[in-house]
Amino acid sequence: MQAIITSKQQTALIKKQAVNRLSRYQLAEKLNLSKPTVKNVLDKQAPFVVSGKTFTAVNNYLLEDL
């Protein structure tokens, strides 16, 4: 399964990373994703396609505070 990361999701992830003062390495550990995958999610021009695992990890992390 593949899904699309939108610019809103990407921006929310970057903001949450900054608020929690997480490095990319710490964010990768928290999301249980590889560092290159997290780098792509943070740096690629949105929208872009990711695996279902990556999409689920990002969305679950963003929904933790709701």
PDB file of N, CA and C in Angstrom:
ATOM      1  N   MET A   1       0.829  -1.174   0.000  1.00  0.00           N
ATOM      2  CA  MET A   1       0.000   0.000   0.000  1.00  0.00           C
ATOM      3  C   MET A   1       0.878   1.243   0.000  1.00  0.00           C
ATOM      4  N   GLN A   2       0.451   2.230  -0.734  1.00  0.00           N
ATOM      5  CA  GLN A   2       1.152   3.501  -0.764  1.00  0.00           C
ATOM      6  C   GLN A   2       0.169   4.626  -0.463  1.00  0.00           C
ATOM      7  N   ALA A   3       0.677   5.716   0.066  1.00  0.00           N
ATOM      8  CA  ALA A   3      -0.165   6.857   0.387  1.00  0.00           C
ATOM      9  C   ALA A   3       0.612   8.134   0.093  1.00  0.00           C
ATOM     10  N   ILE A   4      -0.093   9.241   0.125  1.00  0.00           N
ATOM     11  CA  ILE A   4       0.511  10.528  -0.207  1.00  0.00           C
ATOM     12  C   ILE A   4       0.640  11.389   1.046  1.00  0.00           C
ATOM     13  N   ILE A   5       1.840  11.921   1.246  1.00  0.00           N
ATOM     14  CA  ILE A   5       2.080  12.899   2.301  1.00  0.00           C
ATOM     15  C   ILE A   5       1.813  14.278   1.691  1.00  0.00           C
ATOM     16  N   THR A   6       0.910  15.015   2.288  1.00  0.00           N
ATOM     17  CA  THR A   6       0.573  16.341   1.782  1.00  0.00           C
ATOM     18  C   THR A   6       1.467  17.399   2.414  1.00  0.00           C
ATOM     19  N   SER A   7       1.398  18.589   1.878  1.00  0.00           N
ATOM     20  CA  SER A   7       2.204  19.677   2.433  1.00  0.00           C
ATOM     21  C   SER A   7       1.741  20.035   3.850  1.00  0.00           C
ATOM     22  N   LYS A   8       0.438  19.898   4.134  1.00  0.00           N
ATOM     23  CA  LYS A   8      -0.062  20.168   5.493  1.00  0.00           C
ATOM     24  C   LYS A   8       0.509  19.176   6.491  1.00  0.00           C
ATOM     25  N   GLN A   9       0.560  17.890   6.118  1.00  0.00           N
ATOM     26  CA  GLN A   9       1.122  16.871   7.009  1.00  0.00           C
ATOM     27  C   GLN A   9       2.610  17.125   7.219  1.00  0.00           C
ATOM     28  N   GLN A  10       3.312  17.437   6.146  1.00  0.00           N
ATOM     29  CA  GLN A  10       4.742  17.683   6.239  1.00  0.00           C
ATOM     30  C   GLN A  10       5.027  18.889   7.140  1.00  0.00           C
ATOM     31  N   THR A  11       4.273  19.952   6.969  1.00  0.00           N
ATOM     32  CA  THR A  11       4.451  21.149   7.792  1.00  0.00           C
ATOM     33  C   THR A  11       4.139  20.862   9.254  1.00  0.00           C
ATOM     34  N   ALA A  12       3.068  20.119   9.506  1.00  0.00           N
ATOM     35  CA  ALA A  12       2.707  19.771  10.882  1.00  0.00           C
ATOM     36  C   ALA A  12       3.803  18.925  11.535  1.00  0.00           C
ATOM     37  N   LEU A  13       4.379  18.007  10.772  1.00  0.00           N
ATOM     38  CA  LEU A  13       5.456  17.164  11.299  1.00  0.00           C
ATOM     39  C   LEU A  13       6.681  18.001  11.642  1.00  0.00           C
ATOM     40  N   ILE A  14       7.038  18.925  10.770  1.00  0.00           N
ATOM     41  CA  ILE A  14       8.195  19.791  11.018  1.00  0.00           C
ATOM     42  C   ILE A  14       7.953  20.657  12.254  1.00  0.00           C
ATOM     43  N   LYS A  15       6.743  21.203  12.378  1.00  0.00           N
ATOM     44  CA  LYS A  15       6.420  22.023  13.553  1.00  0.00           C
ATOM     45  C   LYS A  15       6.471  21.208  14.836  1.00  0.00           C
ATOM     46  N   LYS A  16       5.899  20.001  14.805  1.00  0.00           N
ATOM     47  CA  LYS A  16       5.895  19.165  16.011  1.00  0.00           C
ATOM     48  C   LYS A  16       7.309  18.750  16.388  1.00  0.00           C
ATOM     49  N   GLN A  17       8.139  18.476  15.386  1.00  0.00           N
ATOM     50  CA  GLN A  17       9.539  18.143  15.650  1.00  0.00           C
ATOM     51  C   GLN A  17      10.231  19.313  16.336  1.00  0.00           C
ATOM     52  N   ALA A  18       9.976  20.523  15.871  1.00  0.00           N
ATOM     53  CA  ALA A  18      10.603  21.718  16.449  1.00  0.00           C
ATOM     54  C   ALA A  18      10.104  21.978  17.868  1.00  0.00           C
ATOM     55  N   VAL A  19       8.797  21.873  18.080  1.00  0.00           N
ATOM     56  CA  VAL A  19       8.219  22.127  19.402  1.00  0.00           C
ATOM     57  C   VAL A  19       8.775  21.144  20.429  1.00  0.00           C
ATOM     58  N   ASN A  20       8.927  19.897  20.017  1.00  0.00           N
ATOM     59  CA  ASN A  20       9.442  18.868  20.920  1.00  0.00           C
ATOM     60  C   ASN A  20      10.970  18.829  20.961  1.00  0.00           C
ATOM     61  N   ARG A  21      11.597  19.705  20.179  1.00  0.00           N
ATOM     62  CA  ARG A  21      13.058  19.803  20.118  1.00  0.00           C
ATOM     63  C   ARG A  21      13.719  18.461  19.831  1.00  0.00           C
ATOM     64  N   LEU A  22      13.229  17.804  18.792  1.00  0.00           N
ATOM     65  CA  LEU A  22      13.770  16.506  18.398  1.00  0.00           C
ATOM     66  C   LEU A  22      14.720  16.664  17.221  1.00  0.00           C
ATOM     67  N   SER A  23      15.831  15.971  17.287  1.00  0.00           N
ATOM     68  CA  SER A  23      16.715  15.903  16.125  1.00  0.00           C
ATOM     69  C   SER A  23      16.086  14.936  15.126  1.00  0.00           C
ATOM     70  N   ARG A  24      16.622  14.896  13.950  1.00  0.00           N
ATOM     71  CA  ARG A  24      16.098  13.957  12.950  1.00  0.00           C
ATOM     72  C   ARG A  24      16.294  12.513  13.412  1.00  0.00           C
ATOM     73  N   TYR A  25      17.410  12.268  14.070  1.00  0.00           N
ATOM     74  CA  TYR A  25      17.680  10.928  14.592  1.00  0.00           C
ATOM     75  C   TYR A  25      16.639  10.549  15.647  1.00  0.00           C
ATOM     76  N   GLN A  26      16.342  11.475  16.559  1.00  0.00           N
ATOM     77  CA  GLN A  26      15.344  11.209  17.605  1.00  0.00           C
ATOM     78  C   GLN A  26      13.954  11.030  17.006  1.00  0.00           C
ATOM     79  N   LEU A  27      13.630  11.825  15.993  1.00  0.00           N
ATOM     80  CA  LEU A  27      12.344  11.691  15.318  1.00  0.00           C
ATOM     81  C   LEU A  27      12.246  10.335  14.630  1.00  0.00           C
ATOM     82  N   ALA A  28      13.318   9.905  14.004  1.00  0.00           N
ATOM     83  CA  ALA A  28      13.327   8.597  13.348  1.00  0.00           C
ATOM     84  C   ALA A  28      13.089   7.484  14.358  1.00  0.00           C
ATOM     85  N   GLU A  29      13.715   7.584  15.518  1.00  0.00           N
ATOM     86  CA  GLU A  29      13.510   6.577  16.563  1.00  0.00           C
ATOM     87  C   GLU A  29      12.066   6.591  17.053  1.00  0.00           C
ATOM     88  N   LYS A  30      11.514   7.787  17.258  1.00  0.00           N
ATOM     89  CA  LYS A  30      10.143   7.920  17.752  1.00  0.00           C
ATOM     90  C   LYS A  30       9.136   7.342  16.748  1.00  0.00           C
ATOM     91  N   LEU A  31       9.387   7.565  15.457  1.00  0.00           N
ATOM     92  CA  LEU A  31       8.498   7.061  14.410  1.00  0.00           C
ATOM     93  C   LEU A  31       8.795   5.609  14.047  1.00  0.00           C
ATOM     94  N   ASN A  32       9.905   5.083  14.530  1.00  0.00           N
ATOM     95  CA  ASN A  32      10.349   3.733  14.190  1.00  0.00           C
ATOM     96  C   ASN A  32      10.572   3.602  12.684  1.00  0.00           C
ATOM     97  N   LEU A  33      11.218   4.623  12.119  1.00  0.00           N
ATOM     98  CA  LEU A  33      11.555   4.651  10.700  1.00  0.00           C
ATOM     99  C   LEU A  33      13.057   4.868  10.561  1.00  0.00           C
ATOM    100  N   SER A  34      13.589   4.584   9.390  1.00  0.00           N
ATOM    101  CA  SER A  34      15.013   4.800   9.164  1.00  0.00           C
ATOM    102  C   SER A  34      15.297   6.295   9.010  1.00  0.00           C
ATOM    103  N   LYS A  35      16.548   6.664   9.257  1.00  0.00           N
ATOM    104  CA  LYS A  35      16.931   8.076   9.137  1.00  0.00           C
ATOM    105  C   LYS A  35      16.771   8.587   7.706  1.00  0.00           C
ATOM    106  N   PRO A  36      17.144   7.806   6.675  1.00  0.00           N
ATOM    107  CA  PRO A  36      16.929   8.294   5.307  1.00  0.00           C
ATOM    108  C   PRO A  36      15.447   8.506   4.972  1.00  0.00           C
ATOM    109  N   THR A  37      14.575   7.674   5.520  1.00  0.00           N
ATOM    110  CA  THR A  37      13.150   7.842   5.280  1.00  0.00           C
ATOM    111  C   THR A  37      12.654   9.128   5.910  1.00  0.00           C
ATOM    112  N   VAL A  38      13.074   9.404   7.141  1.00  0.00           N
ATOM    113  CA  VAL A  38      12.671  10.634   7.821  1.00  0.00           C
ATOM    114  C   VAL A  38      13.225  11.847   7.074  1.00  0.00           C
ATOM    115  N   LYS A  39      14.450  11.746   6.587  1.00  0.00           N
ATOM    116  CA  LYS A  39      15.040  12.838   5.815  1.00  0.00           C
ATOM    117  C   LYS A  39      14.190  13.130   4.586  1.00  0.00           C
ATOM    118  N   ASN A  40      13.761  12.097   3.890  1.00  0.00           N
ATOM    119  CA  ASN A  40      12.918  12.280   2.709  1.00  0.00           C
ATOM    120  C   ASN A  40      11.589  12.925   3.066  1.00  0.00           C
ATOM    121  N   VAL A  41      10.971  12.466   4.144  1.00  0.00           N
ATOM    122  CA  VAL A  41       9.672  13.001   4.552  1.00  0.00           C
ATOM    123  C   VAL A  41       9.795  14.482   4.908  1.00  0.00           C
ATOM    124  N   LEU A  42      10.886  14.878   5.526  1.00  0.00           N
ATOM    125  CA  LEU A  42      11.063  16.263   5.926  1.00  0.00           C
ATOM    126  C   LEU A  42      11.530  17.168   4.787  1.00  0.00           C
ATOM    127  N   ASP A  43      12.297  16.624   3.842  1.00  0.00           N
ATOM    128  CA  ASP A  43      12.955  17.459   2.835  1.00  0.00           C
ATOM    129  C   ASP A  43      12.320  17.449   1.450  1.00  0.00           C
ATOM    130  N   LYS A  44      11.600  16.407   1.090  1.00  0.00           N
ATOM    131  CA  LYS A  44      11.018  16.332  -0.255  1.00  0.00           C
ATOM    132  C   LYS A  44       9.956  17.394  -0.457  1.00  0.00           C
ATOM    133  N   GLN A  45       9.785  17.775  -1.707  1.00  0.00           N
ATOM    134  CA  GLN A  45       8.723  18.718  -2.064  1.00  0.00           C
ATOM    135  C   GLN A  45       7.390  17.979  -2.032  1.00  0.00           C
ATOM    136  N   ALA A  46       6.478  18.420  -1.169  1.00  0.00           N
ATOM    137  CA  ALA A  46       5.170  17.761  -1.030  1.00  0.00           C
ATOM    138  C   ALA A  46       4.259  18.207  -2.167  1.00  0.00           C
ATOM    139  N   PRO A  47       3.341  17.394  -2.586  1.00  0.00           N
ATOM    140  CA  PRO A  47       2.991  16.051  -2.113  1.00  0.00           C
ATOM    141  C   PRO A  47       3.887  14.989  -2.759  1.00  0.00           C
ATOM    142  N   PHE A  48       4.067  13.874  -2.045  1.00  0.00           N
ATOM    143  CA  PHE A  48       4.854  12.767  -2.558  1.00  0.00           C
ATOM    144  C   PHE A  48       4.332  11.464  -1.977  1.00  0.00           C
ATOM    145  N   VAL A  49       4.673  10.366  -2.641  1.00  0.00           N
ATOM    146  CA  VAL A  49       4.180   9.051  -2.265  1.00  0.00           C
ATOM    147  C   VAL A  49       5.159   8.384  -1.304  1.00  0.00           C
ATOM    148  N   VAL A  50       4.607   7.768  -0.258  1.00  0.00           N
ATOM    149  CA  VAL A  50       5.402   7.004   0.706  1.00  0.00           C
ATOM    150  C   VAL A  50       4.727   5.651   0.920  1.00  0.00           C
ATOM    151  N   SER A  51       5.430   4.770   1.593  1.00  0.00           N
ATOM    152  CA  SER A  51       4.851   3.460   1.909  1.00  0.00           C
ATOM    153  C   SER A  51       3.761   3.616   2.959  1.00  0.00           C
ATOM    154  N   GLY A  52       2.931   2.626   3.067  1.00  0.00           N
ATOM    155  CA  GLY A  52       1.862   2.635   4.061  1.00  0.00           C
ATOM    156  C   GLY A  52       2.406   2.718   5.476  1.00  0.00           C
ATOM    157  N   LYS A  53       3.526   2.053   5.738  1.00  0.00           N
ATOM    158  CA  LYS A  53       4.129   2.078   7.077  1.00  0.00           C
ATOM    159  C   LYS A  53       4.558   3.494   7.448  1.00  0.00           C
ATOM    160  N   THR A  54       5.187   4.181   6.519  1.00  0.00           N
ATOM    161  CA  THR A  54       5.642   5.545   6.768  1.00  0.00           C
ATOM    162  C   THR A  54       4.461   6.472   6.983  1.00  0.00           C
ATOM    163  N   PHE A  55       3.452   6.357   6.143  1.00  0.00           N
ATOM    164  CA  PHE A  55       2.262   7.196   6.256  1.00  0.00           C
ATOM    165  C   PHE A  55       1.579   6.987   7.601  1.00  0.00           C
ATOM    166  N   THR A  56       1.430   5.736   8.008  1.00  0.00           N
ATOM    167  CA  THR A  56       0.785   5.415   9.283  1.00  0.00           C
ATOM    168  C   THR A  56       1.598   5.960  10.457  1.00  0.00           C
ATOM    169  N   ALA A  57       2.915   5.797  10.410  1.00  0.00           N
ATOM    170  CA  ALA A  57       3.774   6.282  11.495  1.00  0.00           C
ATOM    171  C   ALA A  57       3.681   7.799  11.634  1.00  0.00           C
ATOM    172  N   VAL A  58       3.720   8.503  10.519  1.00  0.00           N
ATOM    173  CA  VAL A  58       3.639   9.967  10.551  1.00  0.00           C
ATOM    174  C   VAL A  58       2.279  10.410  11.080  1.00  0.00           C
ATOM    175  N   ASN A  59       1.207   9.833  10.568  1.00  0.00           N
ATOM    176  CA  ASN A  59      -0.121  10.245  11.003  1.00  0.00           C
ATOM    177  C   ASN A  59      -0.383   9.912  12.465  1.00  0.00           C
ATOM    178  N   ASN A  60       0.036   8.750  12.914  1.00  0.00           N
ATOM    179  CA  ASN A  60      -0.152   8.395  14.327  1.00  0.00           C
ATOM    180  C   ASN A  60       0.605   9.362  15.233  1.00  0.00           C
ATOM    181  N   TYR A  61       1.803   9.756  14.825  1.00  0.00           N
ATOM    182  CA  TYR A  61       2.593  10.699  15.611  1.00  0.00           C
ATOM    183  C   TYR A  61       1.906  12.070  15.653  1.00  0.00           C
ATOM    184  N   LEU A  62       1.346  12.491  14.540  1.00  0.00           N
ATOM    185  CA  LEU A  62       0.657  13.786  14.498  1.00  0.00           C
ATOM    186  C   LEU A  62      -0.639  13.762  15.299  1.00  0.00           C
ATOM    187  N   LEU A  63      -1.276  12.618  15.402  1.00  0.00           N
ATOM    188  CA  LEU A  63      -2.540  12.511  16.109  1.00  0.00           C
ATOM    189  C   LEU A  63      -2.371  12.291  17.622  1.00  0.00           C
ATOM    190  N   GLU A  64      -1.157  12.073  18.100  1.00  0.00           N
ATOM    191  CA  GLU A  64      -0.925  11.816  19.527  1.00  0.00           C
ATOM    192  C   GLU A  64      -1.475  12.932  20.412  1.00  0.00           C
ATOM    193  N   ASP A  65      -1.353  14.175  20.004  1.00  0.00           N
ATOM    194  CA  ASP A  65      -1.724  15.311  20.842  1.00  0.00           C
ATOM    195  C   ASP A  65      -3.187  15.719  20.726  1.00  0.00           C
ATOM    196  N   LEU A  66      -3.898  15.112  19.814  1.00  0.00           N
ATOM    197  CA  LEU A  66      -5.299  15.510  19.623  1.00  0.00           C
ATOM    198  C   LEU A  66      -6.215  14.864  20.641  1.00  0.00           C
TER     199      LEU A  66
END
